Amino acid sequence: DPAAPDDYPQRLSHISAIEACYSVAGDESYILLVRVASPAGLEDLLRQ
């Protein structure tokens, strides 16, 4: 929802697998750098 508040960094700060959160220009609002143990771990992280 483009009208939603831009508070994604705060909403995601509790997820320790996110190493960095970058606010970016372009189609996306943010890009996250994440590190996980496995593809299944990545799938779970994306759900979170």
All heavy atoms as atom14 arrays in JSON, in Angstrom:
{
  "sequence": "DPAAPDDYPQRLSHISAIEACYSVAGDESYILLVRVASPAGLEDLLRQ",
  "atom14_mask": [
    [1, 1, 1, 1, 1, 1, 1, 1, 0, 0, 0, 0, 0, 0],
    [1, 1, 1, 1, 1, 1, 1, 0, 0, 0, 0, 0, 0, 0],
    [1, 1, 1, 1, 1, 0, 0, 0, 0, 0, 0, 0, 0, 0],
    [1, 1, 1, 1, 1, 0, 0, 0, 0, 0, 0, 0, 0, 0],
    [1, 1, 1, 1, 1, 1, 1, 0, 0, 0, 0, 0, 0, 0],
    [1, 1, 1, 1, 1, 1, 1, 1, 0, 0, 0, 0, 0, 0],
    [1, 1, 1, 1, 1, 1, 1, 1, 0, 0, 0, 0, 0, 0],
    [1, 1, 1, 1, 1, 1, 1, 1, 1, 1, 1, 1, 0, 0],
    [1, 1, 1, 1, 1, 1, 1, 0, 0, 0, 0, 0, 0, 0],
    [1, 1, 1, 1, 1, 1, 1, 1, 1, 0, 0, 0, 0, 0],
    [1, 1, 1, 1, 1, 1, 1, 1, 1, 1, 1, 0, 0, 0],
    [1, 1, 1, 1, 1, 1, 1, 1, 0, 0, 0, 0, 0, 0],
    [1, 1, 1, 1, 1, 1, 0, 0, 0, 0, 0, 0, 0, 0],
    [1, 1, 1, 1, 1, 1, 1, 1, 1, 1, 0, 0, 0, 0],
    [1, 1, 1, 1, 1, 1, 1, 1, 0, 0, 0, 0, 0, 0],
    [1, 1, 1, 1, 1, 1, 0, 0, 0, 0, 0, 0, 0, 0],
    [1, 1, 1, 1, 1, 0, 0, 0, 0, 0, 0, 0, 0, 0],
    [1, 1, 1, 1, 1, 1, 1, 1, 0, 0, 0, 0, 0, 0],
    [1, 1, 1, 1, 1, 1, 1, 1, 1, 0, 0, 0, 0, 0],
    [1, 1, 1, 1, 1, 0, 0, 0, 0, 0, 0, 0, 0, 0],
    [1, 1, 1, 1, 1, 1, 0, 0, 0, 0, 0, 0, 0, 0],
    [1, 1, 1, 1, 1, 1, 1, 1, 1, 1, 1, 1, 0, 0],
    [1, 1, 1, 1, 1, 1, 0, 0, 0, 0, 0, 0, 0, 0],
    [1, 1, 1, 1, 1, 1, 1, 0, 0, 0, 0, 0, 0, 0],
    [1, 1, 1, 1, 1, 0, 0, 0, 0, 0, 0, 0, 0, 0],
    [1, 1, 1, 1, 0, 0, 0, 0, 0, 0, 0, 0, 0, 0],
    [1, 1, 1, 1, 1, 1, 1, 1, 0, 0, 0, 0, 0, 0],
    [1, 1, 1, 1, 1, 1, 1, 1, 1, 0, 0, 0, 0, 0],
    [1, 1, 1, 1, 1, 1, 0, 0, 0, 0, 0, 0, 0, 0],
    [1, 1, 1, 1, 1, 1, 1, 1, 1, 1, 1, 1, 0, 0],
    [1, 1, 1, 1, 1, 1, 1, 1, 0, 0, 0, 0, 0, 0],
    [1, 1, 1, 1, 1, 1, 1, 1, 0, 0, 0, 0, 0, 0],
    [1, 1, 1, 1, 1, 1, 1, 1, 0, 0, 0, 0, 0, 0],
    [1, 1, 1, 1, 1, 1, 1, 0, 0, 0, 0, 0, 0, 0],
    [1, 1, 1, 1, 1, 1, 1, 1, 1, 1, 1, 0, 0, 0],
    [1, 1, 1, 1, 1, 1, 1, 0, 0, 0, 0, 0, 0, 0],
    [1, 1, 1, 1, 1, 0, 0, 0, 0, 0, 0, 0, 0, 0],
    [1, 1, 1, 1, 1, 1, 0, 0, 0, 0, 0, 0, 0, 0],
    [1, 1, 1, 1, 1, 1, 1, 0, 0, 0, 0, 0, 0, 0],
    [1, 1, 1, 1, 1, 0, 0, 0, 0, 0, 0, 0, 0, 0],
    [1, 1, 1, 1, 0, 0, 0, 0, 0, 0, 0, 0, 0, 0],
    [1, 1, 1, 1, 1, 1, 1, 1, 0, 0, 0, 0, 0, 0],
    [1, 1, 1, 1, 1, 1, 1, 1, 1, 0, 0, 0, 0, 0],
    [1, 1, 1, 1, 1, 1, 1, 1, 0, 0, 0, 0, 0, 0],
    [1, 1, 1, 1, 1, 1, 1, 1, 0, 0, 0, 0, 0, 0],
    [1, 1, 1, 1, 1, 1, 1, 1, 0, 0, 0, 0, 0, 0],
    [1, 1, 1, 1, 1, 1, 1, 1, 1, 1, 1, 0, 0, 0],
    [1, 1, 1, 1, 1, 1, 1, 1, 1, 0, 0, 0, 0, 0]
  ],
  "atom14_positions": [
    [[0.86, -1.18, 0.0], [0.0, 0.0, 0.0], [0.9, 1.23, 0.0], [1.52, 1.55, 1.01], [-0.9, -0.01, 1.24], [-1.76, 1.23, 1.37], [-1.76, 2.08, 0.44], [-2.44, 1.37, 2.4], [0.0, 0.0, 0.0], [0.0, 0.0, 0.0], [0.0, 0.0, 0.0], [0.0, 0.0, 0.0], [0.0, 0.0, 0.0], [0.0, 0.0, 0.0]],
    [[0.98, 1.96, -1.11], [1.86, 3.13, -1.18], [1.51, 4.21, -0.15], [2.36, 5.03, 0.19], [1.65, 3.67, -2.6], [1.09, 2.54, -3.38], [0.32, 1.69, -2.39], [0.0, 0.0, 0.0], [0.0, 0.0, 0.0], [0.0, 0.0, 0.0], [0.0, 0.0, 0.0], [0.0, 0.0, 0.0], [0.0, 0.0, 0.0], [0.0, 0.0, 0.0]],
    [[0.31, 4.19, 0.38], [-0.09, 5.19, 1.37], [0.29, 4.77, 2.8], [0.13, 5.55, 3.74], [-1.6, 5.42, 1.3], [0.0, 0.0, 0.0], [0.0, 0.0, 0.0], [0.0, 0.0, 0.0], [0.0, 0.0, 0.0], [0.0, 0.0, 0.0], [0.0, 0.0, 0.0], [0.0, 0.0, 0.0], [0.0, 0.0, 0.0], [0.0, 0.0, 0.0]],
    [[0.83, 3.55, 2.96], [1.2, 3.07, 4.3], [2.36, 3.9, 4.84], [3.18, 4.42, 4.08], [1.6, 1.6, 4.23], [0.0, 0.0, 0.0], [0.0, 0.0, 0.0], [0.0, 0.0, 0.0], [0.0, 0.0, 0.0], [0.0, 0.0, 0.0], [0.0, 0.0, 0.0], [0.0, 0.0, 0.0], [0.0, 0.0, 0.0], [0.0, 0.0, 0.0]],
    [[2.45, 4.04, 6.17], [3.56, 4.81, 6.74], [4.91, 4.15, 6.4], [5.01, 2.93, 6.29], [3.3, 4.77, 8.25], [2.24, 3.76, 8.47], [1.56, 3.49, 7.16], [0.0, 0.0, 0.0], [0.0, 0.0, 0.0], [0.0, 0.0, 0.0], [0.0, 0.0, 0.0], [0.0, 0.0, 0.0], [0.0, 0.0, 0.0], [0.0, 0.0, 0.0]],
    [[5.92, 4.98, 6.26], [7.26, 4.5, 5.91], [8.02, 4.2, 7.21], [8.95, 4.9, 7.58], [7.98, 5.57, 5.09], [9.33, 5.12, 4.61], [9.71, 3.96, 4.85], [10.03, 5.93, 3.99], [0.0, 0.0, 0.0], [0.0, 0.0, 0.0], [0.0, 0.0, 0.0], [0.0, 0.0, 0.0], [0.0, 0.0, 0.0], [0.0, 0.0, 0.0]],
    [[7.61, 3.13, 7.88], [8.23, 2.77, 9.16], [8.81, 1.35, 9.12], [8.9, 0.67, 10.13], [7.23, 2.91, 10.31], [6.0, 2.03, 10.14], [5.85, 1.38, 9.08], [5.18, 1.99, 11.07], [0.0, 0.0, 0.0], [0.0, 0.0, 0.0], [0.0, 0.0, 0.0], [0.0, 0.0, 0.0], [0.0, 0.0, 0.0], [0.0, 0.0, 0.0]],
    [[9.22, 0.91, 7.94], [9.71, -0.46, 7.78], [10.94, -0.76, 8.63], [11.02, -1.83, 9.24], [9.97, -0.78, 6.3], [8.76, -0.49, 5.45], [8.83, 0.44, 4.44], [7.56, -1.14, 5.68], [7.7, 0.73, 3.66], [6.44, -0.86, 4.9], [6.52, 0.08, 3.89], [5.42, 0.35, 3.14], [0.0, 0.0, 0.0], [0.0, 0.0, 0.0]],
    [[11.91, 0.16, 8.72], [13.07, -0.16, 9.57], [12.68, -0.47, 11.01], [13.2, -1.41, 11.61], [13.94, 1.1, 9.48], [13.59, 1.69, 8.14], [12.1, 1.41, 7.99], [0.0, 0.0, 0.0], [0.0, 0.0, 0.0], [0.0, 0.0, 0.0], [0.0, 0.0, 0.0], [0.0, 0.0, 0.0], [0.0, 0.0, 0.0], [0.0, 0.0, 0.0]],
    [[11.72, 0.29, 11.55], [11.27, 0.03, 12.92], [10.53, -1.3, 13.01], [10.7, -2.05, 13.97], [10.38, 1.17, 13.41], [11.07, 2.5, 13.55], [11.2, 3.26, 12.23], [10.69, 2.87, 11.19], [11.92, 4.38, 12.27], [0.0, 0.0, 0.0], [0.0, 0.0, 0.0], [0.0, 0.0, 0.0], [0.0, 0.0, 0.0], [0.0, 0.0, 0.0]],
    [[9.7, -1.59, 12.03], [8.94, -2.84, 12.04], [9.84, -4.07, 11.94], [9.45, -5.16, 12.36], [7.96, -2.88, 10.87], [6.81, -1.93, 10.99], [5.85, -2.21, 9.86], [4.93, -1.12, 9.63], [3.91, -1.19, 8.82], [3.66, -2.29, 8.13], [3.11, -0.16, 8.65], [0.0, 0.0, 0.0], [0.0, 0.0, 0.0], [0.0, 0.0, 0.0]],
    [[11.03, -3.9, 11.36], [11.92, -5.04, 11.12], [13.11, -5.1, 12.06], [13.88, -6.05, 12.02], [12.41, -4.99, 9.67], [11.32, -5.05, 8.6], [11.9, -4.77, 7.23], [10.62, -6.4, 8.64], [0.0, 0.0, 0.0], [0.0, 0.0, 0.0], [0.0, 0.0, 0.0], [0.0, 0.0, 0.0], [0.0, 0.0, 0.0], [0.0, 0.0, 0.0]],
    [[13.28, -4.13, 12.92], [14.48, -4.04, 13.75], [14.67, -5.24, 14.68], [15.79, -5.54, 15.08], [14.49, -2.74, 14.55], [13.42, -2.73, 15.47], [0.0, 0.0, 0.0], [0.0, 0.0, 0.0], [0.0, 0.0, 0.0], [0.0, 0.0, 0.0], [0.0, 0.0, 0.0], [0.0, 0.0, 0.0], [0.0, 0.0, 0.0], [0.0, 0.0, 0.0]],
    [[13.61, -5.95, 15.0], [13.7, -7.11, 15.9], [14.24, -8.36, 15.21], [14.54, -9.35, 15.87], [12.33, -7.4, 16.51], [11.33, -7.91, 15.51], [10.68, -7.07, 14.62], [10.89, -9.17, 15.24], [9.88, -7.8, 13.86], [9.98, -9.08, 14.21], [0.0, 0.0, 0.0], [0.0, 0.0, 0.0], [0.0, 0.0, 0.0], [0.0, 0.0, 0.0]],
    [[14.37, -8.35, 13.89], [14.8, -9.54, 13.15], [16.32, -9.52, 13.03], [16.89, -8.76, 12.25], [14.13, -9.62, 11.77], [12.6, -9.62, 11.92], [14.6, -10.85, 11.02], [11.83, -9.54, 10.6], [0.0, 0.0, 0.0], [0.0, 0.0, 0.0], [0.0, 0.0, 0.0], [0.0, 0.0, 0.0], [0.0, 0.0, 0.0], [0.0, 0.0, 0.0]],
    [[16.98, -10.36, 13.81], [18.45, -10.31, 13.9], [19.16, -10.79, 12.64], [20.33, -10.46, 12.44], [18.93, -11.12, 15.1], [18.55, -12.49, 14.94], [0.0, 0.0, 0.0], [0.0, 0.0, 0.0], [0.0, 0.0, 0.0], [0.0, 0.0, 0.0], [0.0, 0.0, 0.0], [0.0, 0.0, 0.0], [0.0, 0.0, 0.0], [0.0, 0.0, 0.0]],
    [[18.5, -11.52, 11.76], [19.12, -11.97, 10.52], [19.34, -10.83, 9.53], [20.07, -10.97, 8.56], [18.3, -13.07, 9.87], [0.0, 0.0, 0.0], [0.0, 0.0, 0.0], [0.0, 0.0, 0.0], [0.0, 0.0, 0.0], [0.0, 0.0, 0.0], [0.0, 0.0, 0.0], [0.0, 0.0, 0.0], [0.0, 0.0, 0.0], [0.0, 0.0, 0.0]],
    [[18.71, -9.68, 9.79], [18.9, -8.5, 8.94], [20.14, -7.78, 9.43], [20.16, -7.22, 10.52], [17.67, -7.58, 8.96], [16.43, -8.31, 8.48], [17.94, -6.33, 8.12], [15.13, -7.52, 8.65], [0.0, 0.0, 0.0], [0.0, 0.0, 0.0], [0.0, 0.0, 0.0], [0.0, 0.0, 0.0], [0.0, 0.0, 0.0], [0.0, 0.0, 0.0]],
    [[21.19, -7.81, 8.61], [22.46, -7.19, 8.99], [22.45, -5.69, 8.7], [23.06, -4.91, 9.42], [23.59, -7.85, 8.23], [24.96, -7.37, 8.64], [26.06, -8.17, 7.99], [26.04, -9.42, 8.07], [26.95, -7.54, 7.39], [0.0, 0.0, 0.0], [0.0, 0.0, 0.0], [0.0, 0.0, 0.0], [0.0, 0.0, 0.0], [0.0, 0.0, 0.0]],
    [[21.8, -5.27, 7.61], [21.76, -3.86, 7.24], [20.44, -3.56, 6.54], [19.86, -4.43, 5.89], [22.93, -3.51, 6.33], [0.0, 0.0, 0.0], [0.0, 0.0, 0.0], [0.0, 0.0, 0.0], [0.0, 0.0, 0.0], [0.0, 0.0, 0.0], [0.0, 0.0, 0.0], [0.0, 0.0, 0.0], [0.0, 0.0, 0.0], [0.0, 0.0, 0.0]],
    [[19.99, -2.32, 6.68], [18.77, -1.85, 6.03], [19.11, -0.53, 5.36], [19.49, 0.43, 6.03], [17.67, -1.67, 7.08], [16.13, -0.99, 6.41], [0.0, 0.0, 0.0], [0.0, 0.0, 0.0], [0.0, 0.0, 0.0], [0.0, 0.0, 0.0], [0.0, 0.0, 0.0], [0.0, 0.0, 0.0], [0.0, 0.0, 0.0], [0.0, 0.0, 0.0]],
    [[18.98, -0.49, 4.02], [19.32, 0.68, 3.24], [18.06, 1.3, 2.65], [17.3, 0.61, 1.97], [20.26, 0.31, 2.08], [21.51, -0.4, 2.5], [21.61, -1.79, 2.39], [22.6, 0.3, 3.0], [22.76, -2.46, 2.77], [23.76, -0.37, 3.39], [23.84, -1.74, 3.27], [24.98, -2.4, 3.64], [0.0, 0.0, 0.0], [0.0, 0.0, 0.0]],
    [[17.84, 2.59, 2.87], [16.78, 3.32, 2.2], [17.31, 3.67, 0.81], [18.43, 4.19, 0.69], [16.46, 4.6, 2.97], [15.5, 5.37, 2.28], [0.0, 0.0, 0.0], [0.0, 0.0, 0.0], [0.0, 0.0, 0.0], [0.0, 0.0, 0.0], [0.0, 0.0, 0.0], [0.0, 0.0, 0.0], [0.0, 0.0, 0.0], [0.0, 0.0, 0.0]],
    [[16.53, 3.36, -0.22], [17.03, 3.52, -1.59], [16.04, 4.28, -2.47], [14.85, 4.34, -2.18], [17.33, 2.14, -2.24], [18.44, 1.42, -1.48], [16.09, 1.27, -2.31], [0.0, 0.0, 0.0], [0.0, 0.0, 0.0], [0.0, 0.0, 0.0], [0.0, 0.0, 0.0], [0.0, 0.0, 0.0], [0.0, 0.0, 0.0], [0.0, 0.0, 0.0]],
    [[16.57, 4.83, -3.55], [15.75, 5.46, -4.58], [15.43, 4.4, -5.62], [16.21, 3.46, -5.82], [16.5, 6.62, -5.21], [0.0, 0.0, 0.0], [0.0, 0.0, 0.0], [0.0, 0.0, 0.0], [0.0, 0.0, 0.0], [0.0, 0.0, 0.0], [0.0, 0.0, 0.0], [0.0, 0.0, 0.0], [0.0, 0.0, 0.0], [0.0, 0.0, 0.0]],
    [[14.29, 4.52, -6.25], [13.92, 3.56, -7.27], [12.58, 2.93, -6.96], [11.8, 3.46, -6.16], [0.0, 0.0, 0.0], [0.0, 0.0, 0.0], [0.0, 0.0, 0.0], [0.0, 0.0, 0.0], [0.0, 0.0, 0.0], [0.0, 0.0, 0.0], [0.0, 0.0, 0.0], [0.0, 0.0, 0.0], [0.0, 0.0, 0.0], [0.0, 0.0, 0.0]],
    [[12.32, 1.78, -7.57], [11.04, 1.11, -7.36], [10.88, 0.6, -5.94], [9.78, 0.6, -5.39], [10.89, -0.07, -8.34], [10.75, 0.41, -9.77], [10.31, 1.56, -9.99], [11.09, -0.38, -10.68], [0.0, 0.0, 0.0], [0.0, 0.0, 0.0], [0.0, 0.0, 0.0], [0.0, 0.0, 0.0], [0.0, 0.0, 0.0], [0.0, 0.0, 0.0]],
    [[11.97, 0.12, -5.34], [11.91, -0.38, -3.97], [12.09, 0.77, -2.99], [12.65, 1.81, -3.33], [13.02, -1.42, -3.72], [12.85, -2.7, -4.49], [13.54, -2.69, -5.85], [14.28, -1.73, -6.14], [13.34, -3.64, -6.6], [0.0, 0.0, 0.0], [0.0, 0.0, 0.0], [0.0, 0.0, 0.0], [0.0, 0.0, 0.0], [0.0, 0.0, 0.0]],
    [[11.64, 0.56, -1.76], [11.81, 1.56, -0.71], [13.08, 1.3, 0.09], [13.77, 2.22, 0.5], [10.62, 1.54, 0.25], [9.45, 1.89, -0.43], [0.0, 0.0, 0.0], [0.0, 0.0, 0.0], [0.0, 0.0, 0.0], [0.0, 0.0, 0.0], [0.0, 0.0, 0.0], [0.0, 0.0, 0.0], [0.0, 0.0, 0.0], [0.0, 0.0, 0.0]],
    [[13.34, 0.01, 0.34], [14.49, -0.38, 1.15], [15.1, -1.65, 0.55], [14.41, -2.43, -0.1], [14.08, -0.68, 2.6], [13.63, 0.55, 3.34], [12.31, 0.95, 3.33], [14.55, 1.32, 4.05], [11.9, 2.1, 3.98], [14.15, 2.46, 4.72], [12.83, 2.85, 4.68], [12.43, 3.99, 5.33], [0.0, 0.0, 0.0], [0.0, 0.0, 0.0]],
    [[16.39, -1.83, 0.82], [17.05, -3.09, 0.51], [17.71, -3.57, 1.79], [18.41, -2.82, 2.47], [18.1, -2.92, -0.62], [17.4, -2.51, -1.92], [18.87, -4.23, -0.82], [18.34, -2.26, -3.08], [0.0, 0.0, 0.0], [0.0, 0.0, 0.0], [0.0, 0.0, 0.0], [0.0, 0.0, 0.0], [0.0, 0.0, 0.0], [0.0, 0.0, 0.0]],
    [[17.46, -4.82, 2.12], [18.01, -5.44, 3.32], [19.17, -6.35, 2.93], [19.1, -7.06, 1.93], [16.96, -6.29, 4.03], [15.6, -5.66, 4.31], [14.66, -6.69, 4.91], [15.76, -4.44, 5.2], [0.0, 0.0, 0.0], [0.0, 0.0, 0.0], [0.0, 0.0, 0.0], [0.0, 0.0, 0.0], [0.0, 0.0, 0.0], [0.0, 0.0, 0.0]],
    [[20.22, -6.36, 3.74], [21.29, -7.34, 3.63], [21.03, -8.35, 4.73], [20.96, -7.99, 5.91], [22.65, -6.68, 3.83], [23.86, -7.6, 3.99], [24.05, -8.48, 2.77], [25.12, -6.8, 4.28], [0.0, 0.0, 0.0], [0.0, 0.0, 0.0], [0.0, 0.0, 0.0], [0.0, 0.0, 0.0], [0.0, 0.0, 0.0], [0.0, 0.0, 0.0]],
    [[20.83, -9.61, 4.33], [20.49, -10.65, 5.32], [21.47, -11.81, 5.23], [22.05, -12.06, 4.18], [19.04, -11.16, 5.12], [18.05, -10.01, 5.21], [18.87, -11.9, 3.81], [0.0, 0.0, 0.0], [0.0, 0.0, 0.0], [0.0, 0.0, 0.0], [0.0, 0.0, 0.0], [0.0, 0.0, 0.0], [0.0, 0.0, 0.0], [0.0, 0.0, 0.0]],
    [[21.64, -12.51, 6.33], [22.49, -13.7, 6.38], [21.74, -14.77, 7.17], [21.27, -14.52, 8.28], [23.82, -13.39, 7.04], [24.61, -12.33, 6.28], [26.02, -12.22, 6.79], [26.66, -11.0, 6.35], [27.38, -10.87, 5.24], [27.53, -11.89, 4.44], [27.94, -9.72, 4.94], [0.0, 0.0, 0.0], [0.0, 0.0, 0.0], [0.0, 0.0, 0.0]],
    [[21.64, -15.96, 6.55], [20.91, -17.07, 7.16], [21.67, -18.37, 6.96], [22.64, -18.43, 6.19], [19.48, -17.18, 6.57], [18.63, -15.99, 6.96], [19.52, -17.33, 5.06], [0.0, 0.0, 0.0], [0.0, 0.0, 0.0], [0.0, 0.0, 0.0], [0.0, 0.0, 0.0], [0.0, 0.0, 0.0], [0.0, 0.0, 0.0], [0.0, 0.0, 0.0]],
    [[21.19, -19.42, 7.6], [21.88, -20.71, 7.58], [21.58, -21.54, 6.34], [22.4, -22.36, 5.94], [21.52, -21.5, 8.83], [0.0, 0.0, 0.0], [0.0, 0.0, 0.0], [0.0, 0.0, 0.0], [0.0, 0.0, 0.0], [0.0, 0.0, 0.0], [0.0, 0.0, 0.0], [0.0, 0.0, 0.0], [0.0, 0.0, 0.0], [0.0, 0.0, 0.0]],
    [[20.4, -21.32, 5.71], [19.99, -22.23, 4.64], [18.89, -21.6, 3.79], [18.29, -20.6, 4.2], [19.44, -23.52, 5.26], [18.25, -23.22, 5.99], [0.0, 0.0, 0.0], [0.0, 0.0, 0.0], [0.0, 0.0, 0.0], [0.0, 0.0, 0.0], [0.0, 0.0, 0.0], [0.0, 0.0, 0.0], [0.0, 0.0, 0.0], [0.0, 0.0, 0.0]],
    [[18.6, -22.22, 2.65], [17.45, -21.75, 1.87], [16.15, -21.77, 2.68], [15.33, -20.86, 2.57], [17.4, -22.72, 0.69], [18.83, -23.15, 0.51], [19.36, -23.24, 1.93], [0.0, 0.0, 0.0], [0.0, 0.0, 0.0], [0.0, 0.0, 0.0], [0.0, 0.0, 0.0], [0.0, 0.0, 0.0], [0.0, 0.0, 0.0], [0.0, 0.0, 0.0]],
    [[15.96, -22.79, 3.51], [14.77, -22.84, 4.36], [14.76, -21.66, 5.34], [13.71, -21.08, 5.62], [14.69, -24.16, 5.11], [0.0, 0.0, 0.0], [0.0, 0.0, 0.0], [0.0, 0.0, 0.0], [0.0, 0.0, 0.0], [0.0, 0.0, 0.0], [0.0, 0.0, 0.0], [0.0, 0.0, 0.0], [0.0, 0.0, 0.0], [0.0, 0.0, 0.0]],
    [[15.94, -21.31, 5.84], [16.05, -20.16, 6.73], [15.71, -18.87, 6.02], [15.06, -17.98, 6.59], [0.0, 0.0, 0.0], [0.0, 0.0, 0.0], [0.0, 0.0, 0.0], [0.0, 0.0, 0.0], [0.0, 0.0, 0.0], [0.0, 0.0, 0.0], [0.0, 0.0, 0.0], [0.0, 0.0, 0.0], [0.0, 0.0, 0.0], [0.0, 0.0, 0.0]],
    [[16.12, -18.76, 4.76], [15.78, -17.58, 3.96], [14.27, -17.51, 3.73], [13.65, -16.45, 3.85], [16.53, -17.58, 2.63], [16.27, -16.4, 1.7], [16.59, -15.08, 2.37], [17.05, -16.57, 0.41], [0.0, 0.0, 0.0], [0.0, 0.0, 0.0], [0.0, 0.0, 0.0], [0.0, 0.0, 0.0], [0.0, 0.0, 0.0], [0.0, 0.0, 0.0]],
    [[13.69, -18.64, 3.41], [12.24, -18.69, 3.19], [11.48, -18.24, 4.44], [10.54, -17.45, 4.37], [11.84, -20.11, 2.79], [10.4, -20.24, 2.37], [10.09, -21.64, 1.84], [10.73, -22.62, 2.27], [9.2, -21.73, 0.99], [0.0, 0.0, 0.0], [0.0, 0.0, 0.0], [0.0, 0.0, 0.0], [0.0, 0.0, 0.0], [0.0, 0.0, 0.0]],
    [[11.93, -18.7, 5.61], [11.29, -18.31, 6.87], [11.5, -16.82, 7.13], [10.57, -16.11, 7.54], [11.86, -19.14, 8.03], [11.18, -18.81, 9.34], [9.93, -18.89, 9.4], [11.9, -18.46, 10.31], [0.0, 0.0, 0.0], [0.0, 0.0, 0.0], [0.0, 0.0, 0.0], [0.0, 0.0, 0.0], [0.0, 0.0, 0.0], [0.0, 0.0, 0.0]],
    [[12.69, -16.33, 6.86], [12.98, -14.9, 7.05], [12.09, -14.04, 6.15], [11.54, -13.04, 6.6], [14.46, -14.62, 6.77], [14.85, -13.14, 6.8], [14.67, -12.55, 8.18], [16.28, -12.98, 6.33], [0.0, 0.0, 0.0], [0.0, 0.0, 0.0], [0.0, 0.0, 0.0], [0.0, 0.0, 0.0], [0.0, 0.0, 0.0], [0.0, 0.0, 0.0]],
    [[11.93, -14.44, 4.9], [11.09, -13.67, 3.98], [9.65, -13.62, 4.47], [8.98, -12.58, 4.39], [11.16, -14.26, 2.57], [12.52, -14.12, 1.88], [12.53, -14.9, 0.57], [12.87, -12.66, 1.66], [0.0, 0.0, 0.0], [0.0, 0.0, 0.0], [0.0, 0.0, 0.0], [0.0, 0.0, 0.0], [0.0, 0.0, 0.0], [0.0, 0.0, 0.0]],
    [[9.18, -14.73, 5.02], [7.83, -14.75, 5.6], [7.72, -13.76, 6.75], [6.77, -12.98, 6.84], [7.48, -16.17, 6.07], [6.07, -16.3, 6.66], [5.86, -17.63, 7.38], [6.9, -17.96, 8.35], [7.04, -17.37, 9.55], [6.22, -16.41, 9.92], [8.01, -17.74, 10.37], [0.0, 0.0, 0.0], [0.0, 0.0, 0.0], [0.0, 0.0, 0.0]],
    [[8.74, -13.76, 7.63], [8.75, -12.83, 8.76], [8.74, -11.38, 8.3], [8.02, -10.54, 8.85], [9.99, -13.06, 9.63], [10.02, -14.34, 10.42], [11.33, -14.45, 11.18], [11.72, -13.53, 11.9], [12.04, -15.55, 10.99], [0.0, 0.0, 0.0], [0.0, 0.0, 0.0], [0.0, 0.0, 0.0], [0.0, 0.0, 0.0], [0.0, 0.0, 0.0]]
  ]
}
